[in-house]
Amino acid sequence: MGEDGPTHQGVFDISYLRHIPNLVVMAPKDEHELKDMLEFSLKYNGPSAIRYPRGKAQGIEHRGQSTEVEIGKAEILKEGEDIALIAIGNTVYPALNAAARLEKDGIKAAS
């Protein structure tokens, strides 16, 4: 359940928010993407929502420059040919860890 508790998991955020016209819903995987998404939201000429978990962040090194957020654009962080692990927000790093564990069993997972 994380630090949000049993009544505030955000399970339905995407399903109810996606019905709002022109709303851009974003979920950062780490602190860098959160910063990039905040900058995007300030410039975007329309409504936007950023889903992020309460509690601790991933804790990654500072990269310096911002990266432009592209609406509807995903990224492949790890190539693979057997299966694909699709994740958003704070589930990205656990998916990468799962891909690494699968690779030990000979399964090449893209994520």
Protein backbone atom coordinates (compact mmCIF):
# COMPACT_ATOMS: atom_id res chain seq x y z
CA MET A 1 0.00 0.00 0.00
CA GLY A 2 2.92 2.36 0.38
CA GLU A 3 2.83 5.43 2.56
CA ASP A 4 -0.55 6.58 1.21
CA GLY A 5 -2.39 4.00 3.32
CA PRO A 6 -5.34 1.75 2.46
CA THR A 7 -7.78 4.54 1.49
CA HIS A 8 -5.56 6.76 -0.66
CA GLN A 9 -3.77 4.49 -3.08
CA GLY A 10 -4.49 6.48 -6.25
CA VAL A 11 -5.58 3.28 -8.02
CA PHE A 12 -8.29 5.05 -9.99
CA ASP A 13 -6.50 8.32 -10.75
CA ILE A 14 -5.78 7.58 -14.40
CA SER A 15 -9.20 6.07 -15.12
CA TYR A 16 -11.17 9.04 -13.81
CA LEU A 17 -8.77 11.78 -14.92
CA ARG A 18 -8.48 10.62 -18.54
CA HIS A 19 -12.08 11.66 -19.22
CA ILE A 20 -11.33 15.35 -18.71
CA PRO A 21 -10.92 16.98 -22.16
CA ASN A 22 -7.35 17.97 -23.05
CA LEU A 23 -6.01 16.93 -19.65
CA VAL A 24 -2.45 15.62 -19.74
CA VAL A 25 -1.88 13.01 -17.00
CA MET A 26 1.73 12.31 -16.09
CA ALA A 27 3.46 9.99 -13.62
CA PRO A 28 7.20 10.54 -13.09
CA LYS A 29 9.51 7.59 -12.49
CA ASP A 30 11.96 9.68 -10.45
CA GLU A 31 12.86 13.16 -9.25
CA HIS A 32 14.20 14.26 -12.65
CA GLU A 33 10.97 13.45 -14.43
CA LEU A 34 8.96 15.16 -11.69
CA LYS A 35 10.96 18.36 -12.25
CA ASP A 36 10.55 18.04 -16.04
CA MET A 37 6.80 17.48 -15.69
CA LEU A 38 6.40 20.47 -13.38
CA GLU A 39 8.20 22.65 -15.93
CA PHE A 40 6.01 21.22 -18.71
CA SER A 41 2.84 21.92 -16.71
CA LEU A 42 3.81 25.56 -16.24
CA LYS A 43 4.22 26.02 -20.01
CA TYR A 44 1.35 23.79 -21.19
CA ASN A 45 -1.69 25.70 -22.44
CA GLY A 46 -4.25 23.42 -20.82
CA PRO A 47 -4.95 21.31 -17.75
CA SER A 48 -2.41 18.82 -16.46
CA ALA A 49 -2.13 16.40 -13.56
CA ILE A 50 1.01 14.84 -12.09
CA ARG A 51 0.57 11.60 -10.15
CA TYR A 52 3.29 10.99 -7.60
CA PRO A 53 3.44 8.85 -4.49
CA ARG A 54 3.61 10.25 -1.02
CA GLY A 55 6.77 9.37 0.82
CA LYS A 56 10.34 8.80 -0.27
CA ALA A 57 11.59 9.32 -3.81
CA GLN A 58 13.88 6.99 -5.76
CA GLY A 59 17.00 8.98 -4.87
CA ILE A 60 19.08 9.38 -8.02
CA GLU A 61 22.03 11.60 -8.93
CA HIS A 62 21.40 15.11 -10.24
CA ARG A 63 21.62 15.16 -14.04
CA GLY A 64 21.86 18.91 -14.56
CA GLN A 65 19.65 19.78 -17.51
CA SER A 66 15.92 19.27 -17.95
CA THR A 67 14.48 17.02 -20.63
CA GLU A 68 11.55 18.14 -22.76
CA VAL A 69 8.33 16.22 -22.01
CA GLU A 70 6.63 14.91 -25.16
CA ILE A 71 2.91 14.18 -24.88
CA GLY A 72 2.14 10.51 -25.59
CA LYS A 73 5.80 9.52 -25.79
CA ALA A 74 7.09 6.50 -23.90
CA GLU A 75 10.65 5.33 -23.48
CA ILE A 76 12.33 1.95 -23.59
CA LEU A 77 14.83 1.74 -20.77
CA LYS A 78 15.95 -1.84 -21.41
CA GLU A 79 15.80 -3.82 -24.65
CA GLY A 80 14.47 -7.38 -24.60
CA GLU A 81 12.97 -9.93 -26.95
CA ASP A 82 10.93 -12.39 -24.88
CA ILE A 83 8.45 -10.18 -22.99
CA ALA A 84 7.81 -6.51 -22.28
CA LEU A 85 7.26 -5.06 -18.82
CA ILE A 86 5.22 -1.87 -19.08
CA ALA A 87 5.32 0.44 -16.08
CA ILE A 88 4.51 4.03 -15.18
CA GLY A 89 5.50 6.29 -12.33
CA ASN A 90 7.01 4.67 -9.27
CA THR A 91 6.58 1.17 -10.73
CA VAL A 92 9.33 1.74 -13.33
CA TYR A 93 12.31 0.89 -11.12
CA PRO A 94 10.66 -2.25 -9.69
CA ALA A 95 9.96 -3.32 -13.30
CA LEU A 96 13.64 -2.83 -14.18
CA ASN A 97 14.59 -4.90 -11.12
CA ALA A 98 12.16 -7.62 -12.24
CA ALA A 99 13.71 -7.57 -15.72
CA ALA A 100 17.15 -8.06 -14.19
CA ARG A 101 15.89 -11.02 -12.14
CA LEU A 102 14.22 -12.56 -15.19
CA GLU A 103 17.44 -12.24 -17.15
CA LYS A 104 19.13 -14.50 -14.60
CA ASP A 105 16.59 -17.17 -15.67
CA GLY A 106 17.31 -16.58 -19.36
CA ILE A 107 14.25 -14.40 -20.05
CA LYS A 108 15.06 -11.18 -21.90
CA ALA A 109 12.48 -8.63 -20.81
CA ALA A 110 12.14 -5.21 -22.35
CA SER A 111 11.12 -2.48 -19.98
